[in-house]
Amino acid sequence: MHFQRLRDLREDMDLSQTKIAQLLHTSQTVYSRYERGFQTIPVEHLLILADFYGVSVDYILGRTNVKELNKPKQH
């Protein structure tokens, strides 16, 4: 599965693959494989990326087009 959204999110923040790979404590080569769909993204990395970009895992995976996370309601 190709993850164009990972690339789009990264490029929207003007970040290199190397910077994101550092965030994930992996190599640029491995991260590039994630973006191109040549390697499965571990759940831990998917959660880190979703938190970093402020989007849901479902958005990254293409299961929703809603980019913004639902904010918890304050009482």
PDB file of N, CA and C in Angstrom:
ATOM      1  N   MET A   1       0.844  -1.180   0.000  1.00  0.00           N
ATOM      2  CA  MET A   1       0.000   0.000   0.000  1.00  0.00           C
ATOM      3  C   MET A   1       0.888   1.242   0.000  1.00  0.00           C
ATOM      4  N   HIS A   2       0.632   2.135  -0.918  1.00  0.00           N
ATOM      5  CA  HIS A   2       1.380   3.387  -1.058  1.00  0.00           C
ATOM      6  C   HIS A   2       0.754   4.436  -0.139  1.00  0.00           C
ATOM      7  N   PHE A   3       1.585   5.157   0.593  1.00  0.00           N
ATOM      8  CA  PHE A   3       1.083   6.141   1.550  1.00  0.00           C
ATOM      9  C   PHE A   3       1.427   7.556   1.103  1.00  0.00           C
ATOM     10  N   GLN A   4       0.702   8.030   0.093  1.00  0.00           N
ATOM     11  CA  GLN A   4       0.910   9.386  -0.413  1.00  0.00           C
ATOM     12  C   GLN A   4       0.690  10.414   0.690  1.00  0.00           C
ATOM     13  N   ARG A   5      -0.219  10.116   1.614  1.00  0.00           N
ATOM     14  CA  ARG A   5      -0.502  11.083   2.679  1.00  0.00           C
ATOM     15  C   ARG A   5       0.705  11.288   3.584  1.00  0.00           C
ATOM     16  N   LEU A   6       1.478  10.254   3.815  1.00  0.00           N
ATOM     17  CA  LEU A   6       2.692  10.433   4.621  1.00  0.00           C
ATOM     18  C   LEU A   6       3.622  11.424   3.942  1.00  0.00           C
ATOM     19  N   ARG A   7       3.794  11.261   2.657  1.00  0.00           N
ATOM     20  CA  ARG A   7       4.655  12.177   1.912  1.00  0.00           C
ATOM     21  C   ARG A   7       4.083  13.592   1.923  1.00  0.00           C
ATOM     22  N   ASP A   8       2.774  13.698   1.682  1.00  0.00           N
ATOM     23  CA  ASP A   8       2.135  15.021   1.660  1.00  0.00           C
ATOM     24  C   ASP A   8       2.269  15.723   3.010  1.00  0.00           C
ATOM     25  N   LEU A   9       2.009  15.006   4.090  1.00  0.00           N
ATOM     26  CA  LEU A   9       2.128  15.598   5.429  1.00  0.00           C
ATOM     27  C   LEU A   9       3.553  16.066   5.689  1.00  0.00           C
ATOM     28  N   ARG A  10       4.509  15.238   5.324  1.00  0.00           N
ATOM     29  CA  ARG A  10       5.926  15.579   5.524  1.00  0.00           C
ATOM     30  C   ARG A  10       6.306  16.807   4.708  1.00  0.00           C
ATOM     31  N   GLU A  11       5.919  16.810   3.442  1.00  0.00           N
ATOM     32  CA  GLU A  11       6.277  17.931   2.569  1.00  0.00           C
ATOM     33  C   GLU A  11       5.557  19.213   2.960  1.00  0.00           C
ATOM     34  N   ASP A  12       4.334  19.100   3.464  1.00  0.00           N
ATOM     35  CA  ASP A  12       3.612  20.291   3.928  1.00  0.00           C
ATOM     36  C   ASP A  12       4.349  21.000   5.053  1.00  0.00           C
ATOM     37  N   MET A  13       5.145  20.249   5.807  1.00  0.00           N
ATOM     38  CA  MET A  13       5.923  20.832   6.906  1.00  0.00           C
ATOM     39  C   MET A  13       7.375  21.090   6.502  1.00  0.00           C
ATOM     40  N   ASP A  14       7.667  20.941   5.210  1.00  0.00           N
ATOM     41  CA  ASP A  14       9.021  21.150   4.675  1.00  0.00           C
ATOM     42  C   ASP A  14      10.064  20.323   5.409  1.00  0.00           C
ATOM     43  N   LEU A  15       9.735  19.060   5.658  1.00  0.00           N
ATOM     44  CA  LEU A  15      10.648  18.159   6.348  1.00  0.00           C
ATOM     45  C   LEU A  15      11.199  17.125   5.375  1.00  0.00           C
ATOM     46  N   SER A  16      12.413  16.706   5.629  1.00  0.00           N
ATOM     47  CA  SER A  16      13.032  15.670   4.810  1.00  0.00           C
ATOM     48  C   SER A  16      12.686  14.292   5.361  1.00  0.00           C
ATOM     49  N   GLN A  17      12.872  13.290   4.536  1.00  0.00           N
ATOM     50  CA  GLN A  17      12.690  11.916   4.999  1.00  0.00           C
ATOM     51  C   GLN A  17      13.666  11.616   6.138  1.00  0.00           C
ATOM     52  N   THR A  18      14.845  12.175   6.070  1.00  0.00           N
ATOM     53  CA  THR A  18      15.847  11.952   7.112  1.00  0.00           C
ATOM     54  C   THR A  18      15.364  12.472   8.458  1.00  0.00           C
ATOM     55  N   LYS A  19      14.744  13.646   8.484  1.00  0.00           N
ATOM     56  CA  LYS A  19      14.229  14.213   9.744  1.00  0.00           C
ATOM     57  C   LYS A  19      13.145  13.326  10.343  1.00  0.00           C
ATOM     58  N   ILE A  20      12.244  12.842   9.504  1.00  0.00           N
ATOM     59  CA  ILE A  20      11.177  11.971  10.010  1.00  0.00           C
ATOM     60  C   ILE A  20      11.763  10.637  10.461  1.00  0.00           C
ATOM     61  N   ALA A  21      12.733  10.134   9.741  1.00  0.00           N
ATOM     62  CA  ALA A  21      13.387   8.887  10.143  1.00  0.00           C
ATOM     63  C   ALA A  21      14.043   9.050  11.519  1.00  0.00           C
ATOM     64  N   GLN A  22      14.636  10.208  11.772  1.00  0.00           N
ATOM     65  CA  GLN A  22      15.237  10.468  13.088  1.00  0.00           C
ATOM     66  C   GLN A  22      14.168  10.458  14.171  1.00  0.00           C
ATOM     67  N   LEU A  23      13.013  11.041  13.896  1.00  0.00           N
ATOM     68  CA  LEU A  23      11.903  11.046  14.840  1.00  0.00           C
ATOM     69  C   LEU A  23      11.500   9.615  15.199  1.00  0.00           C
ATOM     70  N   LEU A  24      11.547   8.736  14.207  1.00  0.00           N
ATOM     71  CA  LEU A  24      11.139   7.342  14.394  1.00  0.00           C
ATOM     72  C   LEU A  24      12.278   6.430  14.851  1.00  0.00           C
ATOM     73  N   HIS A  25      13.480   6.994  14.961  1.00  0.00           N
ATOM     74  CA  HIS A  25      14.669   6.215  15.327  1.00  0.00           C
ATOM     75  C   HIS A  25      14.890   5.063  14.351  1.00  0.00           C
ATOM     76  N   THR A  26      14.822   5.417  13.068  1.00  0.00           N
ATOM     77  CA  THR A  26      15.063   4.450  12.009  1.00  0.00           C
ATOM     78  C   THR A  26      15.891   5.131  10.925  1.00  0.00           C
ATOM     79  N   SER A  27      16.144   4.444   9.847  1.00  0.00           N
ATOM     80  CA  SER A  27      16.948   5.028   8.771  1.00  0.00           C
ATOM     81  C   SER A  27      16.057   5.705   7.736  1.00  0.00           C
ATOM     82  N   GLN A  28      16.663   6.579   6.962  1.00  0.00           N
ATOM     83  CA  GLN A  28      15.942   7.246   5.884  1.00  0.00           C
ATOM     84  C   GLN A  28      15.456   6.218   4.870  1.00  0.00           C
ATOM     85  N   THR A  29      16.247   5.195   4.627  1.00  0.00           N
ATOM     86  CA  THR A  29      15.875   4.154   3.667  1.00  0.00           C
ATOM     87  C   THR A  29      14.605   3.433   4.103  1.00  0.00           C
ATOM     88  N   VAL A  30      14.536   3.080   5.377  1.00  0.00           N
ATOM     89  CA  VAL A  30      13.340   2.400   5.892  1.00  0.00           C
ATOM     90  C   VAL A  30      12.137   3.322   5.791  1.00  0.00           C
ATOM     91  N   TYR A  31      12.304   4.581   6.184  1.00  0.00           N
ATOM     92  CA  TYR A  31      11.174   5.513   6.100  1.00  0.00           C
ATOM     93  C   TYR A  31      10.717   5.687   4.655  1.00  0.00           C
ATOM     94  N   SER A  32      11.638   5.777   3.728  1.00  0.00           N
ATOM     95  CA  SER A  32      11.290   5.897   2.316  1.00  0.00           C
ATOM     96  C   SER A  32      10.463   4.693   1.866  1.00  0.00           C
ATOM     97  N   ARG A  33      10.809   3.529   2.362  1.00  0.00           N
ATOM     98  CA  ARG A  33      10.038   2.323   2.028  1.00  0.00           C
ATOM     99  C   ARG A  33       8.613   2.407   2.576  1.00  0.00           C
ATOM    100  N   TYR A  34       8.445   3.036   3.734  1.00  0.00           N
ATOM    101  CA  TYR A  34       7.094   3.234   4.271  1.00  0.00           C
ATOM    102  C   TYR A  34       6.271   4.081   3.299  1.00  0.00           C
ATOM    103  N   GLU A  35       6.829   5.215   2.897  1.00  0.00           N
ATOM    104  CA  GLU A  35       6.107   6.136   2.015  1.00  0.00           C
ATOM    105  C   GLU A  35       5.748   5.472   0.691  1.00  0.00           C
ATOM    106  N   ARG A  36       6.647   4.665   0.165  1.00  0.00           N
ATOM    107  CA  ARG A  36       6.430   4.036  -1.137  1.00  0.00           C
ATOM    108  C   ARG A  36       5.642   2.730  -1.049  1.00  0.00           C
ATOM    109  N   GLY A  37       5.375   2.285   0.181  1.00  0.00           N
ATOM    110  CA  GLY A  37       4.586   1.075   0.354  1.00  0.00           C
ATOM    111  C   GLY A  37       5.362  -0.206   0.176  1.00  0.00           C
ATOM    112  N   PHE A  38       6.680  -0.119   0.225  1.00  0.00           N
ATOM    113  CA  PHE A  38       7.515  -1.306   0.068  1.00  0.00           C
ATOM    114  C   PHE A  38       7.766  -2.020   1.383  1.00  0.00           C
ATOM    115  N   GLN A  39       7.412  -1.387   2.478  1.00  0.00           N
ATOM    116  CA  GLN A  39       7.607  -1.977   3.806  1.00  0.00           C
ATOM    117  C   GLN A  39       6.441  -1.581   4.693  1.00  0.00           C
ATOM    118  N   THR A  40       5.969  -2.524   5.475  1.00  0.00           N
ATOM    119  CA  THR A  40       4.857  -2.273   6.389  1.00  0.00           C
ATOM    120  C   THR A  40       5.310  -1.360   7.523  1.00  0.00           C
ATOM    121  N   ILE A  41       4.470  -0.390   7.858  1.00  0.00           N
ATOM    122  CA  ILE A  41       4.776   0.538   8.945  1.00  0.00           C
ATOM    123  C   ILE A  41       4.381  -0.110  10.263  1.00  0.00           C
ATOM    124  N   PRO A  42       5.316  -0.232  11.208  1.00  0.00           N
ATOM    125  CA  PRO A  42       4.945  -0.762  12.520  1.00  0.00           C
ATOM    126  C   PRO A  42       3.930   0.165  13.205  1.00  0.00           C
ATOM    127  N   VAL A  43       3.060  -0.421  13.977  1.00  0.00           N
ATOM    128  CA  VAL A  43       2.023   0.346  14.677  1.00  0.00           C
ATOM    129  C   VAL A  43       2.647   1.469  15.495  1.00  0.00           C
ATOM    130  N   GLU A  44       3.755   1.197  16.155  1.00  0.00           N
ATOM    131  CA  GLU A  44       4.408   2.220  16.982  1.00  0.00           C
ATOM    132  C   GLU A  44       4.778   3.441  16.144  1.00  0.00           C
ATOM    133  N   HIS A  45       5.298   3.204  14.940  1.00  0.00           N
ATOM    134  CA  HIS A  45       5.688   4.315  14.072  1.00  0.00           C
ATOM    135  C   HIS A  45       4.455   5.047  13.553  1.00  0.00           C
ATOM    136  N   LEU A  46       3.421   4.317  13.254  1.00  0.00           N
ATOM    137  CA  LEU A  46       2.186   4.933  12.777  1.00  0.00           C
ATOM    138  C   LEU A  46       1.595   5.856  13.839  1.00  0.00           C
ATOM    139  N   LEU A  47       1.605   5.419  15.081  1.00  0.00           N
ATOM    140  CA  LEU A  47       1.093   6.249  16.180  1.00  0.00           C
ATOM    141  C   LEU A  47       1.949   7.488  16.389  1.00  0.00           C
ATOM    142  N   ILE A  48       3.258   7.341  16.322  1.00  0.00           N
ATOM    143  CA  ILE A  48       4.159   8.494  16.470  1.00  0.00           C
ATOM    144  C   ILE A  48       3.883   9.514  15.374  1.00  0.00           C
ATOM    145  N   LEU A  49       3.744   9.040  14.138  1.00  0.00           N
ATOM    146  CA  LEU A  49       3.496   9.948  13.012  1.00  0.00           C
ATOM    147  C   LEU A  49       2.145  10.646  13.143  1.00  0.00           C
ATOM    148  N   ALA A  50       1.122   9.914  13.543  1.00  0.00           N
ATOM    149  CA  ALA A  50      -0.204  10.522  13.713  1.00  0.00           C
ATOM    150  C   ALA A  50      -0.151  11.610  14.779  1.00  0.00           C
ATOM    151  N   ASP A  51       0.505  11.335  15.894  1.00  0.00           N
ATOM    152  CA  ASP A  51       0.628  12.344  16.954  1.00  0.00           C
ATOM    153  C   ASP A  51       1.456  13.537  16.480  1.00  0.00           C
ATOM    154  N   PHE A  52       2.546  13.271  15.787  1.00  0.00           N
ATOM    155  CA  PHE A  52       3.434  14.331  15.313  1.00  0.00           C
ATOM    156  C   PHE A  52       2.702  15.278  14.357  1.00  0.00           C
ATOM    157  N   TYR A  53       1.936  14.707  13.435  1.00  0.00           N
ATOM    158  CA  TYR A  53       1.232  15.529  12.441  1.00  0.00           C
ATOM    159  C   TYR A  53      -0.127  16.021  12.928  1.00  0.00           C
ATOM    160  N   GLY A  54      -0.603  15.504  14.059  1.00  0.00           N
ATOM    161  CA  GLY A  54      -1.892  15.938  14.588  1.00  0.00           C
ATOM    162  C   GLY A  54      -3.071  15.434  13.769  1.00  0.00           C
ATOM    163  N   VAL A  55      -2.920  14.249  13.208  1.00  0.00           N
ATOM    164  CA  VAL A  55      -3.984  13.633  12.418  1.00  0.00           C
ATOM    165  C   VAL A  55      -4.269  12.247  12.980  1.00  0.00           C
ATOM    166  N   SER A  56      -5.343  11.649  12.507  1.00  0.00           N
ATOM    167  CA  SER A  56      -5.664  10.295  12.967  1.00  0.00           C
ATOM    168  C   SER A  56      -4.893   9.262  12.150  1.00  0.00           C
ATOM    169  N   VAL A  57      -4.743   8.103  12.726  1.00  0.00           N
ATOM    170  CA  VAL A  57      -4.149   6.977  12.017  1.00  0.00           C
ATOM    171  C   VAL A  57      -5.012   6.658  10.793  1.00  0.00           C
ATOM    172  N   ASP A  58      -6.332   6.743  10.950  1.00  0.00           N
ATOM    173  CA  ASP A  58      -7.231   6.484   9.831  1.00  0.00           C
ATOM    174  C   ASP A  58      -6.968   7.442   8.667  1.00  0.00           C
ATOM    175  N   TYR A  59      -6.629   8.699   8.962  1.00  0.00           N
ATOM    176  CA  TYR A  59      -6.321   9.647   7.899  1.00  0.00           C
ATOM    177  C   TYR A  59      -5.070   9.206   7.147  1.00  0.00           C
ATOM    178  N   ILE A  60      -4.031   8.831   7.875  1.00  0.00           N
ATOM    179  CA  ILE A  60      -2.793   8.379   7.236  1.00  0.00           C
ATOM    180  C   ILE A  60      -3.051   7.154   6.371  1.00  0.00           C
ATOM    181  N   LEU A  61      -3.885   6.251   6.870  1.00  0.00           N
ATOM    182  CA  LEU A  61      -4.158   5.008   6.152  1.00  0.00           C
ATOM    183  C   LEU A  61      -5.167   5.172   5.017  1.00  0.00           C
ATOM    184  N   GLY A  62      -5.748   6.371   4.887  1.00  0.00           N
ATOM    185  CA  GLY A  62      -6.703   6.617   3.819  1.00  0.00           C
ATOM    186  C   GLY A  62      -8.097   6.101   4.112  1.00  0.00           C
ATOM    187  N   ARG A  63      -8.383   5.826   5.375  1.00  0.00           N
ATOM    188  CA  ARG A  63      -9.706   5.328   5.757  1.00  0.00           C
ATOM    189  C   ARG A  63     -10.702   6.459   5.980  1.00  0.00           C
ATOM    190  N   THR A  64     -10.209   7.683   6.057  1.00  0.00           N
ATOM    191  CA  THR A  64     -11.050   8.870   6.182  1.00  0.00           C
ATOM    192  C   THR A  64     -10.349  10.025   5.490  1.00  0.00           C
ATOM    193  N   ASN A  65     -11.127  10.991   5.061  1.00  0.00           N
ATOM    194  CA  ASN A  65     -10.558  12.201   4.471  1.00  0.00           C
ATOM    195  C   ASN A  65     -10.561  13.354   5.452  1.00  0.00           C
ATOM    196  N   VAL A  66     -11.012  13.103   6.674  1.00  0.00           N
ATOM    197  CA  VAL A  66     -11.041  14.131   7.714  1.00  0.00           C
ATOM    198  C   VAL A  66      -9.644  14.231   8.318  1.00  0.00           C
ATOM    199  N   LYS A  67      -9.003  15.345   8.082  1.00  0.00           N
ATOM    200  CA  LYS A  67      -7.619  15.518   8.529  1.00  0.00           C
ATOM    201  C   LYS A  67      -7.533  15.904  10.002  1.00  0.00           C
ATOM    202  N   GLU A  68      -8.470  16.728  10.462  1.00  0.00           N
ATOM    203  CA  GLU A  68      -8.420  17.229  11.829  1.00  0.00           C
ATOM    204  C   GLU A  68      -8.906  16.168  12.805  1.00  0.00           C
ATOM    205  N   LEU A  69      -8.234  16.103  13.935  1.00  0.00           N
ATOM    206  CA  LEU A  69      -8.664  15.202  14.999  1.00  0.00           C
ATOM    207  C   LEU A  69      -9.839  15.816  15.726  1.00  0.00           C
ATOM    208  N   ASN A  70     -10.724  14.983  16.222  1.00  0.00           N
ATOM    209  CA  ASN A  70     -11.812  15.466  17.071  1.00  0.00           C
ATOM    210  C   ASN A  70     -11.227  15.872  18.406  1.00  0.00           C
ATOM    211  N   LYS A  71     -11.466  17.091  18.789  1.00  0.00           N
ATOM    212  CA  LYS A  71     -10.980  17.582  20.076  1.00  0.00           C
ATOM    213  C   LYS A  71     -11.954  17.153  21.171  1.00  0.00           C
ATOM    214  N   PRO A  72     -11.439  16.710  22.318  1.00  0.00           N
ATOM    215  CA  PRO A  72     -12.355  16.354  23.413  1.00  0.00           C
ATOM    216  C   PRO A  72     -13.124  17.596  23.872  1.00  0.00           C
ATOM    217  N   LYS A  73     -14.388  17.399  24.179  1.00  0.00           N
ATOM    218  CA  LYS A  73     -15.223  18.512  24.630  1.00  0.00           C
ATOM    219  C   LYS A  73     -14.849  18.864  26.066  1.00  0.00           C
ATOM    220  N   GLN A  74     -14.715  20.159  26.296  1.00  0.00           N
ATOM    221  CA  GLN A  74     -14.400  20.624  27.649  1.00  0.00           C
ATOM    222  C   GLN A  74     -15.713  20.964  28.366  1.00  0.00           C
ATOM    223  N   HIS A  75     -15.811  20.569  29.614  1.00  0.00           N
ATOM    224  CA  HIS A  75     -17.027  20.793  30.389  1.00  0.00           C
ATOM    225  C   HIS A  75     -16.926  22.040  31.210  1.00  0.00           C
TER     226      HIS A  75
END
